[in-house]
Amino acid sequence: MPTVAAARPLISVYTEKNEPTGNNVALPAVFKVPIRTDIVQFVHTNMRKNSRQPYAVSKLAGHQTSAESWGTGRAVARIPRVRGGGTHRSGQGAFGNMCRGGRMFAPTKTWRRWHRRINVNQKRYATVSAIAATALPALLMARGHAVEQIPEVPLVVTDKVQEFKKTKEAVTFLRKIKAWSDIQKVYNSKRFRAGKGKMRNRRRVQKLGPAIVYEKDNGLRKAFRNIPGVTLMNVNHMNLLRLAPGGHVGRFCIWTEAAFRKLDTVYGNWKKKSETKKDYNLPMPKMMCTDLRRILQNETIRKQLNRVNRKANEKYRMKKNPLTNVRVMTKLNPHSVVMKRRTMLLSERNHRAKVNATLARKKQTPLVEKWKATKAASKARAKKPEPVVKKAPAGKKAPAGKKAPAGKKVPATKVAPAAKKAAKPVAKETAKKAAKTGKPAAKK
């Protein structure tokens, strides 16, 4: 993670009245160290374990009774049971962790491995990372500090602050420097602790305010110690538990000028090693420019990069069987569609011939001819228009060829005119024959 403070090589110094003194301090090299939050969290977790006190349950807990198992054959569990009689307690299970009044499972012992050893270089890496994070306003605000009105981050003040002896002076200084809003946040956050800690002399909890880093204590500790949330640290003994409470970097720090200038002496600056820590120098950043987007968009870098292999990101497609998948077979062999159609037509023709042969053996109309006849008959029916039936008016006879309504006589059918004309000559001939023979013509 880059540090924005590295872009400002000079830091202004302010008086206790929040006025610029005109003096500038060169930014120490420790603020350009890479911020490794993973190392900070690991070291913080292990350091917190080193302040634990051993605890354990009593060695005799759960075993201060006379109990013995009843053994087998009595249809009860083989757990040890309290001896005697005449009381509810007799016959009850004992000793086991599942029994009332029994011991716990795996009783805790005081010889547990309570503390952790931490590599010195790893601990120093975490400390310098936490110091570098104090120069980033974004991390300070993300951690919850009210630093919107302070003049500068990191905030450096004159050494006159180290000579404060009264709390009134410290409060006036914090109000002038616009850091009192962070203290007010601490006042507003004071509340009761959740859990059993209320019974163990730690009833209340509150947030943390600024940390004052000094070089010499000329009364400074007495002046600031009664203000809630304020932490005091000597620059020679920086504590990771105070710089990154909870393992989260970004603590708001107010530096005195002498302490700020001494950071290069305590931690070194890559050109020379630390004067207080043997053979120690600051960790080197892996990248000189940590703006990765700017690097990748640079034309010089882009010319050296290989082309994007777009086929490498293709998803794996399951191979399909062309014998069972028509689309894959068509893709491999386009002629397979023609072959498949030809096969279907041939099989249909063979089936039709087989059916016709079977029907011929049974002396029946072949299936095709029967089907054709049925189709022709249906077409003829479709073409022939149906006769329109007109209802006869009341008192008139119904038309010929139609059924009369119930209770009425069926009228005689009308003879067509053509039939009448054909019947006249026949009647004349029969009349002539009757006249010759003298017999009357027979009536039809």
Protein backbone atom coordinates (compact mmCIF):
# COMPACT_ATOMS: atom_id res chain seq x y z
CA MET A 1 0.00 0.00 0.00
CA PRO A 2 1.55 3.36 -0.99
CA THR A 3 1.88 6.31 1.37
CA VAL A 4 0.56 9.67 0.17
CA ALA A 5 2.83 11.47 2.60
CA ALA A 6 5.82 10.45 0.48
CA ALA A 7 4.70 13.03 -2.09
CA ARG A 8 5.33 15.84 0.49
CA PRO A 9 9.01 15.86 1.42
CA LEU A 10 8.62 18.74 3.93
CA ILE A 11 6.24 18.85 6.89
CA SER A 12 5.22 22.12 8.57
CA VAL A 13 5.63 22.63 12.32
CA TYR A 14 2.80 24.31 14.29
CA THR A 15 2.77 26.08 17.64
CA GLU A 16 0.55 25.17 20.56
CA LYS A 17 -1.87 27.87 19.30
CA ASN A 18 -2.18 26.26 15.85
CA GLU A 19 0.00 28.85 14.12
CA PRO A 20 2.73 27.89 11.61
CA THR A 21 6.20 28.51 13.01
CA GLY A 22 7.77 28.78 9.56
CA ASN A 23 10.04 25.80 10.23
CA ASN A 24 9.83 22.67 8.10
CA VAL A 25 10.94 19.14 8.92
CA ALA A 26 12.06 16.65 6.30
CA LEU A 27 9.75 13.66 6.11
CA PRO A 28 11.47 10.69 7.82
CA ALA A 29 12.09 7.61 5.67
CA VAL A 30 9.94 5.46 7.96
CA PHE A 31 6.82 7.04 6.42
CA LYS A 32 7.77 5.61 2.99
CA VAL A 33 7.81 2.01 4.22
CA PRO A 34 5.26 -0.37 2.66
CA ILE A 35 2.18 -0.82 4.85
CA ARG A 36 1.80 -4.57 5.44
CA THR A 37 -1.52 -5.01 7.23
CA ASP A 38 -1.09 -8.81 7.27
CA ILE A 39 2.14 -8.57 9.27
CA VAL A 40 0.60 -5.97 11.59
CA GLN A 41 -2.36 -8.23 12.39
CA PHE A 42 -0.18 -11.31 12.91
CA VAL A 43 2.24 -9.55 15.26
CA HIS A 44 -0.56 -7.78 17.12
CA THR A 45 -2.38 -11.08 17.76
CA ASN A 46 0.75 -12.72 19.17
CA MET A 47 1.71 -9.69 21.27
CA ARG A 48 -1.74 -9.62 22.86
CA LYS A 49 -1.27 -13.24 23.96
CA ASN A 50 1.85 -12.31 25.94
CA SER A 51 -0.17 -10.32 28.49
CA ARG A 52 -2.51 -13.17 29.45
CA GLN A 53 -2.64 -14.60 32.95
CA PRO A 54 -2.84 -18.40 33.38
CA TYR A 55 -6.20 -19.74 34.52
CA ALA A 56 -7.56 -23.22 35.24
CA VAL A 57 -10.36 -24.98 37.08
CA SER A 58 -9.70 -26.66 40.42
CA LYS A 59 -7.84 -29.94 40.25
CA LEU A 60 -10.48 -31.58 42.50
CA ALA A 61 -13.59 -30.10 40.83
CA GLY A 62 -16.20 -32.78 40.09
CA HIS A 63 -14.36 -35.54 41.95
CA GLN A 64 -15.16 -34.63 45.56
CA THR A 65 -17.70 -37.42 46.04
CA SER A 66 -17.67 -41.17 46.59
CA ALA A 67 -19.01 -42.78 43.44
CA GLU A 68 -18.62 -46.13 41.74
CA SER A 69 -20.19 -47.76 38.69
CA TRP A 70 -22.89 -50.39 39.27
CA GLY A 71 -21.46 -52.47 36.49
CA THR A 72 -23.47 -54.42 33.95
CA GLY A 73 -26.66 -56.41 34.33
CA ARG A 74 -28.87 -53.74 35.91
CA ALA A 75 -30.13 -52.12 32.73
CA VAL A 76 -28.51 -48.74 33.53
CA ALA A 77 -25.53 -46.87 32.13
CA ARG A 78 -22.11 -47.76 33.48
CA ILE A 79 -21.39 -44.18 34.64
CA PRO A 80 -20.10 -43.94 38.25
CA ARG A 81 -22.99 -43.39 40.69
CA VAL A 82 -23.10 -41.84 44.16
CA ARG A 83 -23.26 -44.43 46.95
CA GLY A 84 -25.66 -44.61 49.85
CA GLY A 85 -29.40 -44.15 50.16
CA GLY A 86 -32.10 -42.08 51.81
CA THR A 87 -31.42 -38.99 49.65
CA HIS A 88 -31.95 -37.81 46.09
CA ARG A 89 -28.22 -37.66 45.53
CA SER A 90 -27.68 -41.39 46.02
CA GLY A 91 -27.70 -43.27 42.75
CA GLN A 92 -27.13 -40.14 40.65
CA GLY A 93 -24.33 -40.12 38.05
CA ALA A 94 -21.04 -38.47 39.01
CA PHE A 95 -17.56 -37.59 37.68
CA GLY A 96 -18.53 -37.50 33.98
CA ASN A 97 -18.76 -34.27 32.04
CA MET A 98 -22.35 -35.15 31.09
CA CYS A 99 -23.39 -35.48 34.76
CA ARG A 100 -24.75 -32.78 37.03
CA GLY A 101 -22.00 -31.82 39.46
CA GLY A 102 -19.36 -33.63 37.38
CA ARG A 103 -16.05 -32.27 36.05
CA MET A 104 -15.72 -30.47 32.71
CA PHE A 105 -14.36 -32.20 29.64
CA ALA A 106 -10.55 -31.83 29.40
CA PRO A 107 -10.13 -29.63 32.52
CA THR A 108 -7.98 -26.55 31.85
CA LYS A 109 -4.45 -26.53 33.24
CA THR A 110 -2.13 -23.69 34.13
CA TRP A 111 0.70 -25.19 32.11
CA ARG A 112 -0.93 -24.29 28.80
CA ARG A 113 1.31 -22.50 26.23
CA TRP A 114 0.08 -19.01 27.00
CA HIS A 115 2.78 -16.84 25.44
CA ARG A 116 4.19 -16.56 21.92
CA ARG A 117 7.67 -15.76 20.73
CA ILE A 118 7.79 -13.22 17.88
CA ASN A 119 10.67 -12.64 15.49
CA VAL A 120 12.38 -9.33 16.25
CA ASN A 121 12.62 -8.28 12.61
CA GLN A 122 8.96 -9.17 12.05
CA LYS A 123 7.93 -7.13 15.07
CA ARG A 124 9.91 -4.14 13.78
CA TYR A 125 8.36 -4.48 10.32
CA ALA A 126 4.89 -4.31 11.87
CA THR A 127 5.84 -1.25 13.94
CA VAL A 128 7.22 0.77 11.02
CA SER A 129 4.19 -0.20 8.89
CA ALA A 130 1.89 1.14 11.61
CA ILE A 131 3.94 4.36 11.82
CA ALA A 132 3.73 4.84 8.03
CA ALA A 133 -0.06 4.37 8.16
CA THR A 134 -0.40 7.32 10.58
CA ALA A 135 0.49 9.66 7.68
CA LEU A 136 -2.51 8.70 5.55
CA PRO A 137 -5.66 10.77 6.21
CA ALA A 138 -7.82 8.16 4.48
CA LEU A 139 -6.74 5.43 6.91
CA LEU A 140 -7.21 7.76 9.89
CA MET A 141 -10.77 8.57 8.87
CA ALA A 142 -11.51 4.94 8.03
CA ARG A 143 -10.50 4.05 11.56
CA GLY A 144 -13.01 6.58 12.91
CA HIS A 145 -10.80 9.52 13.93
CA ALA A 146 -12.24 13.04 13.55
CA VAL A 147 -9.38 14.70 11.65
CA GLU A 148 -11.36 16.84 9.18
CA GLN A 149 -10.31 20.16 10.78
CA ILE A 150 -6.68 19.57 11.79
CA PRO A 151 -4.17 21.58 9.72
CA GLU A 152 -2.00 18.74 8.45
CA VAL A 153 -1.31 14.99 8.56
CA PRO A 154 1.14 14.00 10.04
CA LEU A 155 0.66 16.73 12.65
CA VAL A 156 3.92 18.10 14.11
CA VAL A 157 3.93 20.65 16.97
CA THR A 158 6.68 22.51 18.79
CA ASP A 159 8.56 21.01 21.76
CA LYS A 160 6.86 23.49 24.10
CA VAL A 161 4.03 20.93 24.41
CA GLN A 162 6.45 18.64 26.30
CA GLU A 163 6.60 21.22 29.12
CA PHE A 164 2.87 21.23 29.86
CA LYS A 165 2.14 20.33 33.48
CA LYS A 166 -1.56 21.15 33.85
CA THR A 167 -4.52 19.39 32.25
CA LYS A 168 -6.05 22.82 31.51
CA GLU A 169 -3.08 23.58 29.26
CA ALA A 170 -3.43 20.23 27.47
CA VAL A 171 -7.17 20.77 26.87
CA THR A 172 -6.55 24.29 25.53
CA PHE A 173 -3.87 22.92 23.20
CA LEU A 174 -6.16 20.19 21.85
CA ARG A 175 -8.97 22.70 21.27
CA LYS A 176 -6.66 25.12 19.45
CA ILE A 177 -5.18 22.40 17.26
CA LYS A 178 -8.75 21.28 16.28
CA ALA A 179 -8.24 17.80 17.77
CA TRP A 180 -10.83 18.16 20.55
CA SER A 181 -13.57 16.73 18.33
CA ASP A 182 -11.71 13.41 18.47
CA ILE A 183 -11.74 13.63 22.30
CA GLN A 184 -15.45 14.49 22.25
CA LYS A 185 -16.04 11.31 20.27
CA VAL A 186 -14.43 9.37 23.14
CA TYR A 187 -16.72 11.02 25.70
CA ASN A 188 -19.79 10.13 23.64
CA SER A 189 -18.73 6.49 23.20
CA LYS A 190 -18.38 5.61 26.89
CA ARG A 191 -20.72 2.69 27.64
CA PHE A 192 -21.07 -0.54 29.63
CA ARG A 193 -19.16 -3.55 28.42
CA ALA A 194 -21.12 -6.46 27.01
CA GLY A 195 -20.47 -9.77 28.73
CA LYS A 196 -18.90 -11.08 31.93
CA GLY A 197 -16.24 -8.36 32.03
CA LYS A 198 -18.69 -6.18 33.94
CA MET A 199 -18.11 -8.47 36.96
CA ARG A 200 -14.32 -8.43 36.57
CA ASN A 201 -13.47 -4.80 37.30
CA ARG A 202 -13.72 -3.63 33.69
CA ARG A 203 -17.31 -2.40 33.50
CA ARG A 204 -16.98 0.39 30.92
CA VAL A 205 -15.45 0.62 27.44
CA GLN A 206 -14.75 3.60 25.19
CA LYS A 207 -13.14 4.52 21.89
CA LEU A 208 -9.59 5.78 21.53
CA GLY A 209 -8.48 9.33 20.75
CA PRO A 210 -5.13 10.74 19.57
CA ALA A 211 -1.71 9.45 20.57
CA ILE A 212 0.91 11.98 21.71
CA VAL A 213 4.47 10.99 20.69
CA TYR A 214 7.21 12.85 22.57
CA GLU A 215 10.96 12.63 23.14
CA LYS A 216 11.33 13.96 26.71
CA ASP A 217 8.76 14.07 29.47
CA ASN A 218 8.98 17.45 31.18
CA GLY A 219 5.55 17.16 32.77
CA LEU A 220 3.72 16.07 29.61
CA ARG A 221 2.40 12.80 31.07
CA LYS A 222 0.78 14.48 34.05
CA ALA A 223 -0.89 17.05 31.81
CA PHE A 224 -2.46 14.56 29.36
CA ARG A 225 -3.03 11.45 31.49
CA ASN A 226 -6.47 12.50 32.78
CA ILE A 227 -7.95 13.16 29.33
CA PRO A 228 -9.92 10.07 28.20
CA GLY A 229 -8.76 8.34 25.03
CA VAL A 230 -5.32 10.00 24.88
CA THR A 231 -2.29 7.68 24.69
CA LEU A 232 1.26 8.85 25.45
CA MET A 233 4.31 7.21 23.80
CA ASN A 234 8.02 7.82 23.86
CA VAL A 235 9.59 7.85 20.39
CA ASN A 236 12.31 5.46 21.61
CA HIS A 237 9.76 2.89 22.75
CA MET A 238 6.97 2.79 20.17
CA ASN A 239 4.38 0.13 20.96
CA LEU A 240 2.47 -1.64 18.18
CA LEU A 241 -0.51 -2.25 20.50
CA ARG A 242 -0.89 1.56 20.80
CA LEU A 243 -0.07 2.41 17.16
CA ALA A 244 -2.54 -0.11 15.73
CA PRO A 245 -5.19 -0.94 18.37
CA GLY A 246 -7.05 -4.11 17.52
CA GLY A 247 -4.59 -4.81 14.70
CA HIS A 248 -6.07 -1.98 12.59
CA VAL A 249 -3.61 0.60 11.25
CA GLY A 250 -4.34 4.34 11.08
CA ARG A 251 -4.00 5.77 14.62
CA PHE A 252 -4.14 9.57 14.83
CA CYS A 253 -0.74 10.72 16.17
CA ILE A 254 0.43 14.17 17.28
CA TRP A 255 4.23 14.40 17.08
CA THR A 256 6.51 16.81 18.88
CA GLU A 257 9.23 18.28 16.67
CA ALA A 258 12.08 16.56 18.53
CA ALA A 259 10.36 13.16 18.34
CA PHE A 260 9.63 13.60 14.62
CA ARG A 261 13.25 14.47 13.84
CA LYS A 262 14.49 11.47 15.82
CA LEU A 263 12.63 8.87 13.73
CA ASP A 264 15.51 8.64 11.22
CA THR A 265 17.92 7.99 14.10
CA VAL A 266 15.73 5.28 15.62
CA TYR A 267 14.77 3.42 12.44
CA GLY A 268 17.36 4.47 9.84
CA ASN A 269 16.74 5.80 6.34
CA TRP A 270 18.14 3.14 3.89
CA LYS A 271 21.35 5.14 3.44
CA LYS A 272 22.45 4.52 7.01
CA LYS A 273 21.37 1.97 9.57
CA SER A 274 19.55 2.60 12.82
CA GLU A 275 21.66 4.00 15.66
CA THR A 276 19.58 2.45 18.45
CA LYS A 277 18.79 -0.96 16.91
CA LYS A 278 21.73 -3.17 16.02
CA ASP A 279 22.17 -3.92 12.29
CA TYR A 280 18.66 -2.78 11.44
CA ASN A 281 17.48 -0.87 8.43
CA LEU A 282 14.05 -0.21 7.01
CA PRO A 283 12.42 -2.82 4.75
CA MET A 284 12.63 -2.03 1.05
CA PRO A 285 9.40 -1.66 -0.91
CA LYS A 286 8.86 -4.22 -3.66
CA MET A 287 7.80 -1.49 -6.13
CA MET A 288 9.19 2.03 -6.37
CA CYS A 289 5.92 3.20 -7.97
CA THR A 290 2.94 1.43 -6.49
CA ASP A 291 0.41 2.93 -8.92
CA LEU A 292 -0.14 -0.28 -10.90
CA ARG A 293 -2.73 1.21 -13.26
CA ARG A 294 -0.35 4.01 -14.25
CA ILE A 295 2.39 1.45 -14.93
CA LEU A 296 0.20 -0.78 -17.10
CA GLN A 297 -1.12 2.16 -19.11
CA ASN A 298 2.37 3.47 -19.90
CA GLU A 299 3.16 3.14 -23.63
CA THR A 300 6.73 1.98 -22.98
CA ILE A 301 5.48 -0.88 -20.82
CA ARG A 302 2.65 -1.80 -23.19
CA LYS A 303 5.06 -2.22 -26.09
CA GLN A 304 6.98 -4.85 -24.16
CA LEU A 305 3.91 -6.84 -23.14
CA ASN A 306 2.77 -9.86 -25.13
CA ARG A 307 -0.50 -9.83 -26.99
CA VAL A 308 -3.55 -10.98 -25.14
CA ASN A 309 -4.23 -14.66 -25.71
CA ARG A 310 -8.00 -14.67 -25.96
CA LYS A 311 -8.22 -18.40 -26.55
CA ALA A 312 -6.63 -19.11 -23.19
CA ASN A 313 -9.70 -17.80 -21.38
CA GLU A 314 -12.20 -19.89 -23.32
CA LYS A 315 -14.33 -22.13 -21.19
CA TYR A 316 -13.90 -25.87 -21.52
CA ARG A 317 -16.63 -27.32 -23.69
CA MET A 318 -17.64 -30.92 -23.25
CA LYS A 319 -17.01 -33.03 -26.36
CA LYS A 320 -20.27 -34.19 -27.95
CA ASN A 321 -20.79 -37.48 -29.77
CA PRO A 322 -21.60 -36.90 -33.48
CA LEU A 323 -23.32 -40.28 -33.68
CA THR A 324 -25.98 -39.12 -31.23
CA ASN A 325 -25.92 -35.34 -31.88
CA VAL A 326 -27.30 -34.20 -35.27
CA ARG A 327 -25.77 -30.71 -35.13
CA VAL A 328 -22.25 -31.98 -34.49
CA MET A 329 -22.57 -34.57 -37.26
CA THR A 330 -23.84 -31.89 -39.69
CA LYS A 331 -20.87 -29.72 -38.79
CA LEU A 332 -18.44 -32.57 -39.44
CA ASN A 333 -20.24 -33.96 -42.53
CA PRO A 334 -22.80 -31.66 -44.23
CA HIS A 335 -23.77 -34.48 -46.63
CA SER A 336 -25.06 -36.50 -43.68
CA VAL A 337 -28.37 -34.57 -43.86
CA VAL A 338 -28.95 -35.78 -47.46
CA MET A 339 -27.98 -39.32 -46.55
CA LYS A 340 -30.28 -39.33 -43.56
CA ARG A 341 -33.21 -38.02 -45.65
CA ARG A 342 -32.56 -40.61 -48.34
CA THR A 343 -32.49 -43.38 -45.76
CA MET A 344 -35.80 -42.22 -44.27
CA LEU A 345 -37.50 -42.14 -47.72
CA LEU A 346 -36.15 -45.58 -48.60
CA SER A 347 -37.37 -47.08 -45.34
CA GLU A 348 -40.79 -45.49 -45.85
CA ARG A 349 -41.01 -46.90 -49.39
CA ASN A 350 -40.04 -50.37 -48.22
CA HIS A 351 -42.61 -50.26 -45.47
CA ARG A 352 -45.35 -49.23 -47.93
CA ALA A 353 -44.42 -52.05 -50.34
CA LYS A 354 -44.48 -54.55 -47.51
CA VAL A 355 -47.95 -53.44 -46.44
CA ASN A 356 -49.26 -53.59 -50.04
CA ALA A 357 -47.89 -57.08 -50.49
CA THR A 358 -49.60 -58.20 -47.30
CA LEU A 359 -52.93 -56.74 -48.41
CA ALA A 360 -52.60 -58.30 -51.89
CA ARG A 361 -52.16 -61.70 -50.29
CA LYS A 362 -55.37 -61.15 -48.38
CA LYS A 363 -57.16 -60.06 -51.66
CA GLN A 364 -57.90 -56.61 -50.39
CA THR A 365 -57.54 -53.23 -52.03
CA PRO A 366 -53.98 -52.11 -51.80
CA LEU A 367 -53.34 -49.58 -49.10
CA VAL A 368 -52.25 -46.85 -51.50
CA GLU A 369 -55.27 -47.24 -53.77
CA LYS A 370 -57.59 -47.33 -50.79
CA TRP A 371 -55.99 -44.21 -49.45
CA LYS A 372 -56.26 -42.48 -52.85
CA ALA A 373 -59.94 -43.40 -53.16
CA THR A 374 -60.67 -42.08 -49.69
CA LYS A 375 -58.86 -38.87 -50.46
CA ALA A 376 -60.74 -38.37 -53.77
CA ALA A 377 -64.09 -38.95 -52.07
CA SER A 378 -63.29 -36.39 -49.37
CA LYS A 379 -62.31 -33.86 -52.04
CA ALA A 380 -65.57 -34.44 -53.95
CA ARG A 381 -67.58 -33.90 -50.80
CA ALA A 382 -65.71 -30.71 -50.13
CA LYS A 383 -66.44 -29.33 -53.65
CA LYS A 384 -70.23 -30.21 -53.78
CA PRO A 385 -72.29 -27.41 -52.25
CA GLU A 386 -74.97 -28.37 -49.80
CA PRO A 387 -78.63 -27.57 -50.86
CA VAL A 388 -80.18 -24.61 -49.14
CA VAL A 389 -83.40 -25.59 -47.38
CA LYS A 390 -86.12 -22.97 -47.42
CA LYS A 391 -88.84 -23.07 -44.83
CA ALA A 392 -92.33 -23.16 -46.36
CA PRO A 393 -94.71 -20.49 -45.17
CA ALA A 394 -97.67 -21.43 -43.00
CA GLY A 395 -100.59 -23.05 -44.92
CA LYS A 396 -98.43 -24.16 -47.88
CA LYS A 397 -97.13 -27.57 -48.79
CA ALA A 398 -93.57 -28.51 -47.95
CA PRO A 399 -91.19 -28.95 -50.95
CA ALA A 400 -90.75 -32.38 -52.47
CA GLY A 401 -88.11 -34.73 -51.07
CA LYS A 402 -88.32 -33.25 -47.57
CA LYS A 403 -90.05 -34.75 -44.57
CA ALA A 404 -93.22 -33.04 -43.50
CA PRO A 405 -93.57 -31.96 -39.91
CA ALA A 406 -95.19 -34.34 -37.46
CA GLY A 407 -99.01 -34.62 -37.73
CA LYS A 408 -99.16 -33.47 -41.40
CA LYS A 409 -99.64 -35.52 -44.60
CA VAL A 410 -96.75 -35.96 -47.00
CA PRO A 411 -97.52 -34.01 -50.24
CA ALA A 412 -97.21 -35.67 -53.64
CA THR A 413 -93.98 -35.18 -55.47
CA LYS A 414 -93.97 -32.81 -58.39
CA VAL A 415 -93.17 -34.26 -61.82
CA ALA A 416 -90.55 -32.47 -63.79
CA PRO A 417 -91.70 -30.75 -67.08
CA ALA A 418 -89.37 -32.88 -69.18
CA ALA A 419 -90.94 -36.05 -67.79
CA LYS A 420 -94.44 -34.69 -68.61
CA LYS A 421 -93.50 -34.05 -72.23
CA ALA A 422 -92.09 -37.59 -72.57
CA ALA A 423 -95.25 -39.11 -71.04
CA LYS A 424 -97.76 -37.45 -73.50
CA PRO A 425 -96.86 -39.41 -76.70
CA VAL A 426 -96.90 -42.68 -74.77
CA ALA A 427 -100.42 -41.97 -73.50
CA LYS A 428 -101.66 -41.23 -77.08
CA GLU A 429 -100.27 -44.54 -78.39
CA THR A 430 -101.94 -46.54 -75.63
CA ALA A 431 -105.27 -44.76 -76.33
CA LYS A 432 -105.09 -45.69 -80.05
CA LYS A 433 -104.40 -49.36 -79.28
CA ALA A 434 -107.34 -49.44 -76.88
CA ALA A 435 -109.66 -48.02 -79.52
CA LYS A 436 -108.70 -50.71 -82.05
CA THR A 437 -109.07 -53.59 -79.64
CA GLY A 438 -112.11 -52.17 -77.83
CA LYS A 439 -110.61 -52.57 -74.40
CA PRO A 440 -110.15 -49.64 -71.99
CA ALA A 441 -106.61 -48.48 -71.28
CA ALA A 442 -105.19 -49.69 -68.00
CA LYS A 443 -104.53 -47.00 -65.42
CA LYS A 444 -101.14 -46.88 -63.93
